[in-house]
């Protein structure tokens, strides 16, 4: 779902994943939704909004900040052409508001300059291809009315569960140069509500493969294209064998290439229903160096896992619970890659998770990591806790984390939502130790002055092999094959 980021430095490899679920807030039914006409005419991009009521402020539900610099992306990409309408940031959200404090005009035109932007825990607004093709994320146009700027400033980061007015926008997509690609189909014009996908403008080449359709930037380094085309179906097949077929139609893999930026190796991506999007950048991924190859495979494994735990599979309840799906997808990737390639160093990958969890949980609640922009905490600590749950299951009944996920799928088949409480209840059932959840809840809600000791206790009680070296939790044993 987006958010692994290792610090930028010369030849440093960065990775990003966005699996943010659209806000599941209660919305009043409406007869006429907000409509948005998105059109490309050569180099000119426009979005024409037709608002469905009079309100002085309209806020955009998808308003995540850029990861680097933690700034909003819309001011540099959108320009309001309608007189008297201001686009700015109020609290945690980008808004349209009337300069005179009155109602925003019912018709608002925005001129857009699509650009790639790596967002915190959300889908990038655009994927830019080296041949001129552009894919736009559909959810960026959803807007809701508010009574005042003060109301916008008071909105929380997590909108799940809030009763907001309005509903998803009805967006139409049109390219004067030719058809657009929408959910795997080429169409002259398409209109949809709550599409939750990327819509592709341009003549990007499409390749049909076993179980997956790929749209790969022609500028992408050849070795990466080979990995994506060959390794992705292997991982998807492994997940399907362990957890059942992926829900929905054959998925699409959409891959863009930003270019060989000096002193950078970057992998970013996200998963939406029926779609994996990926972006690569930097000179560090020009050649199949061992480190780059290992990260590319892990990245493919993580993104693909979200079809079962995340986007198309079990979803979290609130944004603060992203550790459930992000950490779980990390562990699924480790287990799948180890099964496909036994030479892969699973222990090194899991050790990074342990070390990162200690770093991000020291003195800071993991549940509020998103507010701080420390989304990596969700991945690292989520993976650590998933290892403990896997260990508890193995000690009691045998099996591995895929057996855990299969149990969770069965238990939550009615609504597809995996709550924090349900996850912790399973840990207690498998471990028969109610104190374990208390340690995780302490790290979630309060932070810990010594998270290494919390993790050590958790691993000791659940059979995860480790030793303590000068206060550091060091994994031991064959972490690639934990089945008992």
Protein backbone atom coordinates (compact mmCIF):
# COMPACT_ATOMS: atom_id res chain seq x y z
CA UNK A 1 0.00 0.00 0.00
CA UNK A 2 3.27 3.31 -0.15
CA UNK A 3 5.65 3.85 2.55
CA UNK A 4 9.00 2.23 2.91
CA UNK A 5 11.69 4.84 2.52
CA UNK A 6 15.35 4.33 3.33
CA UNK A 7 17.35 7.56 3.77
CA UNK A 8 18.65 9.04 0.54
CA UNK A 9 22.39 8.92 0.05
CA UNK A 10 24.84 8.07 -2.68
CA UNK A 11 23.94 4.64 -4.08
CA UNK A 12 21.34 4.16 -1.36
CA UNK A 13 18.37 2.04 -2.36
CA UNK A 14 15.00 3.49 -1.48
CA UNK A 15 11.72 1.68 -1.67
CA UNK A 16 8.17 2.86 -1.33
CA UNK A 17 4.81 1.18 -1.18
CA UNK A 18 1.37 2.69 -0.95
CA UNK A 19 -1.51 0.61 0.10
CA UNK A 20 -3.67 3.24 1.67
CA UNK A 21 -7.29 2.19 1.53
CA UNK A 22 -9.83 4.83 0.47
CA UNK A 23 -11.53 6.32 3.55
CA UNK A 24 -14.40 4.11 4.62
CA UNK A 25 -16.52 6.88 6.08
CA UNK A 26 -20.27 7.00 6.16
CA UNK A 27 -21.55 9.26 3.42
CA UNK A 28 -24.98 10.71 2.89
CA UNK A 29 -26.71 9.46 -0.25
CA UNK A 30 -26.93 12.09 -2.96
CA UNK A 31 -28.96 12.28 -6.15
CA UNK A 32 -26.34 14.21 -8.11
CA UNK A 33 -22.66 13.68 -7.30
CA UNK A 34 -19.88 16.16 -7.91
CA UNK A 35 -18.74 15.67 -11.50
CA UNK A 36 -15.25 16.20 -12.86
CA UNK A 37 -14.28 16.18 -16.55
CA UNK A 38 -10.58 15.39 -16.95
CA UNK A 39 -9.21 16.08 -20.42
CA UNK A 40 -5.85 16.15 -22.16
CA UNK A 41 -5.53 18.31 -25.25
CA UNK A 42 -1.92 18.07 -26.36
CA UNK A 43 0.15 19.50 -23.52
CA UNK A 44 -2.86 21.10 -21.82
CA UNK A 45 -4.56 19.18 -19.02
CA UNK A 46 -7.78 20.40 -17.39
CA UNK A 47 -10.17 19.22 -14.72
CA UNK A 48 -13.61 20.86 -14.83
CA UNK A 49 -15.47 20.48 -11.54
CA UNK A 50 -19.25 20.83 -11.30
CA UNK A 51 -20.04 21.09 -7.59
CA UNK A 52 -23.41 19.91 -6.34
CA UNK A 53 -24.14 22.46 -3.60
CA UNK A 54 -23.21 25.90 -2.32
CA UNK A 55 -20.39 25.79 0.22
CA UNK A 56 -17.53 28.17 1.07
CA UNK A 57 -14.96 25.34 1.30
CA UNK A 58 -14.44 22.07 -0.54
CA UNK A 59 -11.74 19.75 0.77
CA UNK A 60 -9.93 16.98 -1.10
CA UNK A 61 -10.08 13.71 0.78
CA UNK A 62 -6.78 12.51 -0.71
CA UNK A 63 -4.32 15.17 0.46
CA UNK A 64 -1.22 13.23 1.53
CA UNK A 65 2.07 15.12 1.69
CA UNK A 66 5.11 14.54 -0.48
CA UNK A 67 7.48 12.20 1.33
CA UNK A 68 10.54 14.37 0.69
CA UNK A 69 9.99 17.75 2.33
CA UNK A 70 6.51 16.88 3.65
CA UNK A 71 4.82 19.50 1.50
CA UNK A 72 1.47 19.36 -0.35
CA UNK A 73 1.76 18.43 -4.03
CA UNK A 74 -1.28 20.23 -5.50
CA UNK A 75 0.04 23.84 -5.37
CA UNK A 76 2.83 22.94 -7.81
CA UNK A 77 0.64 20.78 -10.03
CA UNK A 78 -2.79 22.48 -10.07
CA UNK A 79 -3.69 26.06 -11.00
CA UNK A 80 -7.25 27.29 -10.48
CA UNK A 81 -8.38 29.27 -13.55
CA UNK A 82 -11.79 30.25 -12.18
CA UNK A 83 -11.63 33.81 -10.75
CA UNK A 84 -12.20 34.21 -7.03
CA UNK A 85 -11.31 30.62 -6.11
CA UNK A 86 -8.24 29.81 -4.00
CA UNK A 87 -6.48 26.45 -3.75
CA UNK A 88 -4.45 26.12 -0.53
CA UNK A 89 -3.77 23.97 2.51
CA UNK A 90 -5.98 24.14 5.58
CA UNK A 91 -4.97 21.80 8.38
CA UNK A 92 -4.25 18.38 6.92
CA UNK A 93 -6.13 18.90 3.65
CA UNK A 94 -5.96 20.78 0.37
CA UNK A 95 -9.08 22.86 -0.18
CA UNK A 96 -10.87 25.00 -2.73
CA UNK A 97 -12.34 28.12 -1.11
CA UNK A 98 -13.91 31.37 -2.20
CA UNK A 99 -11.66 34.42 -1.81
CA UNK A 100 -14.57 36.51 -0.49
CA UNK A 101 -15.72 33.89 2.03
CA UNK A 102 -18.92 33.16 0.12
CA UNK A 103 -19.86 29.98 -1.73
CA UNK A 104 -17.36 28.52 -4.18
CA UNK A 105 -18.77 28.84 -7.74
CA UNK A 106 -20.56 25.69 -8.84
CA UNK A 107 -18.20 25.40 -11.85
CA UNK A 108 -14.46 25.44 -11.24
CA UNK A 109 -11.74 24.84 -13.82
CA UNK A 110 -8.32 23.57 -12.76
CA UNK A 111 -5.34 23.45 -15.11
CA UNK A 112 -3.02 20.57 -14.29
CA UNK A 113 0.63 19.80 -14.93
CA UNK A 114 0.88 16.11 -14.01
CA UNK A 115 4.13 15.24 -12.29
CA UNK A 116 5.43 12.25 -10.40
CA UNK A 117 5.18 12.70 -6.64
CA UNK A 118 6.10 10.15 -3.98
CA UNK A 119 3.43 10.57 -1.30
CA UNK A 120 3.29 9.47 2.31
CA UNK A 121 1.08 6.39 2.60
CA UNK A 122 -1.08 7.21 -0.40
CA UNK A 123 -1.20 6.73 -4.13
CA UNK A 124 0.93 9.01 -6.28
CA UNK A 125 -1.27 11.48 -8.18
CA UNK A 126 0.47 10.65 -11.48
CA UNK A 127 2.79 8.10 -13.03
CA UNK A 128 4.95 9.62 -15.75
CA UNK A 129 6.30 7.39 -18.54
CA UNK A 130 9.41 8.19 -20.56
CA UNK A 131 7.50 7.96 -23.85
CA UNK A 132 5.03 10.68 -22.83
CA UNK A 133 2.28 8.45 -21.45
CA UNK A 134 0.73 9.54 -18.15
CA UNK A 135 -1.44 7.66 -15.67
CA UNK A 136 -3.62 9.67 -13.27
CA UNK A 137 -4.97 8.35 -9.99
CA UNK A 138 -8.76 8.61 -9.97
CA UNK A 139 -9.26 9.35 -6.27
CA UNK A 140 -7.40 12.68 -6.31
CA UNK A 141 -10.56 14.46 -7.56
CA UNK A 142 -12.93 13.43 -4.74
CA UNK A 143 -14.04 16.56 -2.85
CA UNK A 144 -16.53 17.22 -0.04
CA UNK A 145 -18.19 20.48 1.09
CA UNK A 146 -17.54 22.11 4.47
CA UNK A 147 -19.13 25.03 6.26
CA UNK A 148 -15.89 26.87 7.06
CA UNK A 149 -12.11 26.95 6.93
CA UNK A 150 -12.11 26.20 10.66
CA UNK A 151 -14.00 22.98 10.01
CA UNK A 152 -11.37 21.98 7.44
CA UNK A 153 -8.56 22.67 9.92
CA UNK A 154 -10.25 20.46 12.52
CA UNK A 155 -10.47 17.37 10.29
CA UNK A 156 -8.36 14.42 11.49
CA UNK A 157 -5.83 12.62 9.32
CA UNK A 158 -7.90 9.42 9.40
CA UNK A 159 -11.36 9.94 7.91
CA UNK A 160 -12.51 6.35 8.48
CA UNK A 161 -15.76 6.27 10.40
CA UNK A 162 -16.58 9.96 9.95
CA UNK A 163 -19.96 11.00 8.61
CA UNK A 164 -18.98 13.35 5.79
CA UNK A 165 -21.31 15.06 3.34
CA UNK A 166 -21.42 14.11 -0.30
CA UNK A 167 -19.76 11.10 -1.86
CA UNK A 168 -17.14 10.12 -4.44
CA UNK A 169 -17.00 12.28 -7.56
CA UNK A 170 -18.21 11.07 -10.92
CA UNK A 171 -15.12 11.50 -13.09
CA UNK A 172 -14.97 11.35 -16.88
CA UNK A 173 -11.69 10.84 -18.73
CA UNK A 174 -10.93 11.93 -22.27
CA UNK A 175 -7.79 12.33 -24.38
CA UNK A 176 -8.15 14.22 -27.66
CA UNK A 177 -5.20 12.20 -29.01
CA UNK A 178 -6.92 8.83 -28.69
CA UNK A 179 -8.36 6.25 -26.29
CA UNK A 180 -7.47 6.02 -22.61
CA UNK A 181 -6.80 2.76 -20.77
CA UNK A 182 -9.23 2.07 -17.93
CA UNK A 183 -9.02 -1.18 -15.97
CA UNK A 184 -7.28 -2.98 -18.80
CA UNK A 185 -9.53 -1.68 -21.61
CA UNK A 186 -8.90 0.97 -24.26
CA UNK A 187 -11.89 3.34 -24.41
CA UNK A 188 -12.54 6.61 -26.24
CA UNK A 189 -14.11 8.10 -23.12
CA UNK A 190 -14.94 6.64 -19.74
CA UNK A 191 -17.01 7.86 -16.80
CA UNK A 192 -16.95 6.23 -13.37
CA UNK A 193 -17.67 6.85 -9.69
CA UNK A 194 -15.22 5.63 -7.05
CA UNK A 195 -13.09 3.87 -9.69
CA UNK A 196 -10.06 3.63 -7.38
CA UNK A 197 -7.56 3.04 -10.19
CA UNK A 198 -5.04 4.69 -12.51
CA UNK A 199 -6.28 5.87 -15.91
CA UNK A 200 -3.60 5.77 -18.61
CA UNK A 201 -3.26 8.47 -21.29
CA UNK A 202 -0.96 7.72 -24.23
CA UNK A 203 0.30 4.87 -26.33
CA UNK A 204 2.09 2.81 -23.70
CA UNK A 205 2.74 -0.73 -24.88
CA UNK A 206 0.73 -3.53 -23.29
CA UNK A 207 1.96 -7.10 -22.92
CA UNK A 208 -0.29 -10.02 -22.03
CA UNK A 209 1.33 -12.61 -19.78
CA UNK A 210 0.35 -15.62 -17.72
CA UNK A 211 -2.07 -14.35 -15.10
CA UNK A 212 -1.13 -10.68 -15.51
CA UNK A 213 -1.14 -7.85 -18.07
CA UNK A 214 1.89 -5.55 -18.01
CA UNK A 215 2.31 -1.96 -19.13
CA UNK A 216 6.05 -1.28 -18.82
CA UNK A 217 7.82 1.98 -19.60
CA UNK A 218 10.06 1.42 -22.66
CA UNK A 219 12.86 3.30 -20.91
CA UNK A 220 12.96 0.89 -17.96
CA UNK A 221 16.29 -0.98 -17.64
CA UNK A 222 15.92 -4.31 -19.43
CA UNK A 223 16.81 -6.44 -16.42
CA UNK A 224 14.07 -4.84 -14.35
CA UNK A 225 11.53 -5.49 -17.08
CA UNK A 226 12.63 -9.12 -17.19
CA UNK A 227 12.27 -9.44 -13.42
CA UNK A 228 8.86 -7.82 -13.41
CA UNK A 229 7.63 -9.93 -16.29
CA UNK A 230 9.07 -13.19 -14.98
CA UNK A 231 9.17 -12.98 -11.19
CA UNK A 232 5.77 -11.34 -10.59
CA UNK A 233 3.76 -14.32 -11.96
CA UNK A 234 5.85 -16.71 -9.84
CA UNK A 235 5.05 -14.78 -6.68
CA UNK A 236 1.39 -14.40 -7.59
CA UNK A 237 1.15 -18.14 -8.28
CA UNK A 238 2.73 -18.92 -4.90
CA UNK A 239 0.27 -16.69 -3.07
CA UNK A 240 -2.65 -18.23 -4.95
CA UNK A 241 -1.45 -21.74 -4.09
CA UNK A 242 -1.28 -20.87 -0.40
CA UNK A 243 -4.29 -18.56 -0.02
CA UNK A 244 -6.57 -19.26 -2.96
CA UNK A 245 -7.03 -17.32 -6.21
CA UNK A 246 -6.73 -13.55 -6.23
CA UNK A 247 -10.16 -11.93 -6.23
CA UNK A 248 -11.42 -10.22 -9.38
CA UNK A 249 -10.21 -10.23 -12.98
CA UNK A 250 -6.65 -10.71 -14.18
CA UNK A 251 -4.57 -7.88 -12.70
CA UNK A 252 -2.53 -5.26 -14.54
CA UNK A 253 1.04 -4.31 -13.69
CA UNK A 254 1.83 -0.69 -14.63
CA UNK A 255 5.50 0.32 -14.39
CA UNK A 256 6.98 3.80 -15.01
CA UNK A 257 10.62 4.94 -15.18
CA UNK A 258 11.63 8.39 -13.94
CA UNK A 259 15.19 8.10 -15.22
CA UNK A 260 18.79 7.43 -14.07
CA UNK A 261 18.96 10.14 -11.41
CA UNK A 262 22.49 10.38 -10.03
CA UNK A 263 23.23 8.86 -6.60
CA UNK A 264 19.77 7.36 -6.25
CA UNK A 265 18.14 3.94 -6.35
CA UNK A 266 14.40 4.24 -5.82
CA UNK A 267 11.50 1.82 -6.03
CA UNK A 268 7.97 3.01 -5.30
CA UNK A 269 4.59 1.50 -5.85
CA UNK A 270 1.07 0.77 -4.77
CA UNK A 271 -1.73 -1.74 -5.18
CA UNK A 272 -5.31 -0.97 -6.14
CA UNK A 273 -8.12 -3.38 -7.00
CA UNK A 274 -6.85 -5.25 -10.06
CA UNK A 275 -3.75 -3.05 -10.48
CA UNK A 276 -0.15 -2.97 -9.27
CA UNK A 277 1.64 0.29 -10.04
CA UNK A 278 5.41 0.68 -9.72
CA UNK A 279 7.91 3.45 -10.33
CA UNK A 280 11.68 3.11 -10.58
CA UNK A 281 14.30 5.83 -10.58
CA UNK A 282 18.06 6.27 -10.27
CA UNK A 283 21.40 5.08 -11.53
CA UNK A 284 21.47 2.45 -8.81
CA UNK A 285 18.89 0.31 -10.64
CA UNK A 286 20.49 0.56 -14.09
CA UNK A 287 22.28 -2.76 -13.61
CA UNK A 288 21.29 -5.99 -11.83
CA UNK A 289 23.60 -5.58 -8.86
CA UNK A 290 22.90 -8.18 -6.14
CA UNK A 291 21.47 -5.61 -3.71
CA UNK A 292 19.22 -4.06 -6.34
CA UNK A 293 18.05 -7.48 -7.53
CA UNK A 294 17.22 -8.57 -3.98
CA UNK A 295 15.27 -5.37 -3.27
CA UNK A 296 13.41 -5.60 -6.58
CA UNK A 297 12.26 -9.12 -5.78
CA UNK A 298 11.26 -8.16 -2.25
CA UNK A 299 9.40 -5.15 -3.64
CA UNK A 300 7.50 -7.31 -6.14
CA UNK A 301 6.65 -9.76 -3.36
CA UNK A 302 5.36 -7.04 -1.05
CA UNK A 303 3.20 -5.33 -3.65
CA UNK A 304 1.73 -8.61 -4.90
CA UNK A 305 0.90 -9.69 -1.33
CA UNK A 306 -1.60 -6.85 -1.04
CA UNK A 307 -3.99 -8.65 -3.37
CA UNK A 308 -4.58 -10.99 -0.41
CA UNK A 309 -3.74 -8.76 2.55
CA UNK A 310 -4.57 -5.15 1.72
CA UNK A 311 -6.16 -3.75 -1.41
CA UNK A 312 -8.17 -6.74 -2.70
CA UNK A 313 -7.96 -8.90 0.42
CA UNK A 314 -8.27 -8.25 4.14
CA UNK A 315 -8.18 -4.52 4.90
CA UNK A 316 -7.42 -2.63 8.09
CA UNK A 317 -10.14 -0.68 9.92
CA UNK A 318 -8.34 2.61 10.60
CA UNK A 319 -5.22 4.22 9.11
CA UNK A 320 -3.39 3.78 12.41
CA UNK A 321 -3.80 0.01 11.90
CA UNK A 322 -1.77 -0.04 8.68
CA UNK A 323 0.84 -2.16 10.50
CA UNK A 324 -1.52 -5.13 10.05
CA UNK A 325 -1.40 -5.12 6.26
CA UNK A 326 2.00 -3.52 5.65
CA UNK A 327 3.93 -5.64 8.11
CA UNK A 328 1.97 -8.70 7.08
CA UNK A 329 2.76 -8.10 3.40
CA UNK A 330 6.44 -7.74 4.30
CA UNK A 331 6.47 -11.15 5.99
CA UNK A 332 4.46 -12.73 3.17
CA UNK A 333 7.06 -11.44 0.70
CA UNK A 334 9.91 -12.90 2.73
CA UNK A 335 8.25 -16.30 2.97
CA UNK A 336 7.30 -16.39 -0.74
CA UNK A 337 10.71 -15.32 -2.04
CA UNK A 338 12.43 -17.84 0.23
CA UNK A 339 10.25 -20.60 -1.21
CA UNK A 340 10.99 -19.54 -4.80
CA UNK A 341 14.69 -18.77 -4.27
CA UNK A 342 16.17 -20.63 -1.27
CA UNK A 343 19.48 -18.77 -1.69
CA UNK A 344 17.84 -15.44 -0.81
CA UNK A 345 18.93 -14.06 2.56
CA UNK A 346 15.65 -13.95 4.46
CA UNK A 347 17.30 -13.49 7.83
CA UNK A 348 19.02 -10.28 6.72
CA UNK A 349 15.70 -8.86 5.53
CA UNK A 350 13.92 -9.74 8.77
CA UNK A 351 16.82 -8.39 10.83
CA UNK A 352 16.32 -5.04 9.13
CA UNK A 353 12.68 -5.15 10.22
CA UNK A 354 13.67 -5.79 13.84
CA UNK A 355 16.29 -3.03 13.87
CA UNK A 356 13.96 -0.54 12.20
CA UNK A 357 11.13 -1.33 14.61
CA UNK A 358 13.43 -0.58 17.55
CA UNK A 359 14.41 2.73 15.94
CA UNK A 360 10.88 3.90 15.12
CA UNK A 361 9.20 2.68 18.31
CA UNK A 362 11.67 4.20 20.76
CA UNK A 363 9.74 6.74 22.80
CA UNK A 364 7.07 7.18 20.11
CA UNK A 365 3.70 5.44 19.69
CA UNK A 366 3.62 3.33 16.55
CA UNK A 367 -0.10 4.01 16.09
CA UNK A 368 0.58 7.71 15.44
CA UNK A 369 3.54 7.16 13.10
CA UNK A 370 1.49 8.36 10.14
CA UNK A 371 0.98 11.76 11.74
CA UNK A 372 4.76 12.13 12.05
CA UNK A 373 5.53 10.86 8.55
CA UNK A 374 7.24 7.80 10.07
CA UNK A 375 5.19 5.32 8.06
CA UNK A 376 8.10 2.89 7.95
CA UNK A 377 7.19 2.03 11.55
CA UNK A 378 4.03 0.33 10.27
CA UNK A 379 6.09 -1.94 8.03
CA UNK A 380 8.89 -2.79 10.45
CA UNK A 381 6.92 -3.25 13.67
CA UNK A 382 4.04 -4.87 11.79
CA UNK A 383 6.47 -7.45 10.39
CA UNK A 384 8.01 -8.06 13.82
CA UNK A 385 4.60 -8.65 15.38
CA UNK A 386 3.59 -10.85 12.43
CA UNK A 387 6.71 -12.97 13.09
CA UNK A 388 5.58 -13.40 16.69
CA UNK A 389 2.05 -14.39 15.65
CA UNK A 390 3.51 -16.84 13.14
CA UNK A 391 5.79 -18.26 15.85
CA UNK A 392 2.91 -18.69 18.28
CA UNK A 393 0.90 -20.52 15.65
CA UNK A 394 3.89 -22.74 14.79
CA UNK A 395 4.55 -23.60 18.43
CA UNK A 396 0.95 -24.59 19.04
CA UNK A 397 -0.24 -26.12 15.75
CA UNK A 398 2.54 -25.90 13.18
CA UNK A 399 2.38 -23.92 9.95
CA UNK A 400 3.62 -20.48 8.92
CA UNK A 401 2.29 -16.98 8.33
CA UNK A 402 0.26 -18.02 5.29
CA UNK A 403 -1.69 -20.36 7.55
CA UNK A 404 -2.27 -17.40 9.86
CA UNK A 405 -3.56 -15.26 6.98
CA UNK A 406 -5.79 -18.11 5.76
CA UNK A 407 -7.33 -18.36 9.24
CA UNK A 408 -7.89 -14.61 9.33
CA UNK A 409 -9.52 -14.73 5.89
CA UNK A 410 -11.99 -17.35 7.09
CA UNK A 411 -12.74 -15.53 10.33
CA UNK A 412 -13.34 -12.19 8.56
CA UNK A 413 -14.98 -13.36 5.35
CA UNK A 414 -18.18 -11.48 6.18
CA UNK A 415 -16.80 -7.95 5.94
CA UNK A 416 -13.18 -8.31 4.78
CA UNK A 417 -12.02 -6.01 7.59
CA UNK A 418 -9.29 -7.15 9.98
CA UNK A 419 -9.38 -4.98 13.08
CA UNK A 420 -6.62 -4.46 15.60
CA UNK A 421 -8.70 -6.23 18.24
CA UNK A 422 -9.26 -9.27 16.02
CA UNK A 423 -5.52 -9.51 15.27
CA UNK A 424 -4.58 -9.27 18.95
CA UNK A 425 -7.22 -11.79 19.92
CA UNK A 426 -5.68 -14.29 17.52
CA UNK A 427 -2.25 -13.70 19.09
CA UNK A 428 -3.71 -14.45 22.51
CA UNK A 429 -5.47 -17.60 21.27
CA UNK A 430 -2.36 -18.95 19.57
CA UNK A 431 0.10 -18.04 22.34
CA UNK A 432 -2.25 -18.58 25.31
CA UNK A 433 -0.45 -15.63 26.87
CA UNK A 434 -2.63 -12.50 27.33
CA UNK A 435 0.40 -10.47 28.41
CA UNK A 436 1.82 -10.47 24.87
CA UNK A 437 -0.89 -8.22 23.52
CA UNK A 438 -0.23 -5.80 26.38
CA UNK A 439 3.35 -5.33 25.19
CA UNK A 440 2.26 -4.67 21.60
CA UNK A 441 -0.45 -2.27 22.75
CA UNK A 442 2.12 -0.40 24.83
CA UNK A 443 4.32 0.04 21.75
CA UNK A 444 1.31 1.06 19.69
CA UNK A 445 -0.24 3.57 22.06
CA UNK A 446 2.59 4.85 24.25
CA UNK A 447 5.89 3.93 22.65
CA UNK A 448 8.62 2.27 24.65
CA UNK A 449 11.86 3.41 26.21
CA UNK A 450 13.31 -0.01 25.45
CA UNK A 451 11.51 -1.63 22.49
CA UNK A 452 14.32 -4.17 22.08
CA UNK A 453 13.36 -5.72 25.41
CA UNK A 454 9.68 -5.75 24.38
CA UNK A 455 10.55 -7.55 21.15
CA UNK A 456 12.87 -9.98 22.94
CA UNK A 457 10.12 -10.95 25.36
CA UNK A 458 7.65 -11.33 22.51
CA UNK A 459 10.02 -13.57 20.54
CA UNK A 460 10.97 -15.60 23.60
CA UNK A 461 7.32 -16.41 24.35
CA UNK A 462 6.50 -17.29 20.71
CA UNK A 463 9.49 -19.36 19.70
CA UNK A 464 11.19 -16.93 17.28
CA UNK A 465 14.91 -17.80 17.33
CA UNK A 466 17.14 -14.93 18.50
CA UNK A 467 19.92 -13.92 20.84
CA UNK A 468 20.73 -10.66 22.60
CA UNK A 469 24.01 -9.01 21.60
CA UNK A 470 24.82 -5.87 23.61
CA UNK A 471 21.13 -5.03 23.95
CA UNK A 472 20.31 -5.74 20.29
CA UNK A 473 17.84 -8.45 19.23
CA UNK A 474 19.75 -10.59 16.71
CA UNK A 475 17.84 -13.24 14.79
CA UNK A 476 19.35 -16.71 14.63
CA UNK A 477 18.50 -20.01 12.97
CA UNK A 478 16.94 -20.56 9.59
CA UNK A 479 14.51 -17.63 9.33
CA UNK A 480 13.78 -18.61 5.71
CA UNK A 481 12.15 -21.89 6.73
CA UNK A 482 10.32 -21.37 10.02
CA UNK A 483 7.81 -24.20 9.64
CA UNK A 484 7.70 -26.62 12.51
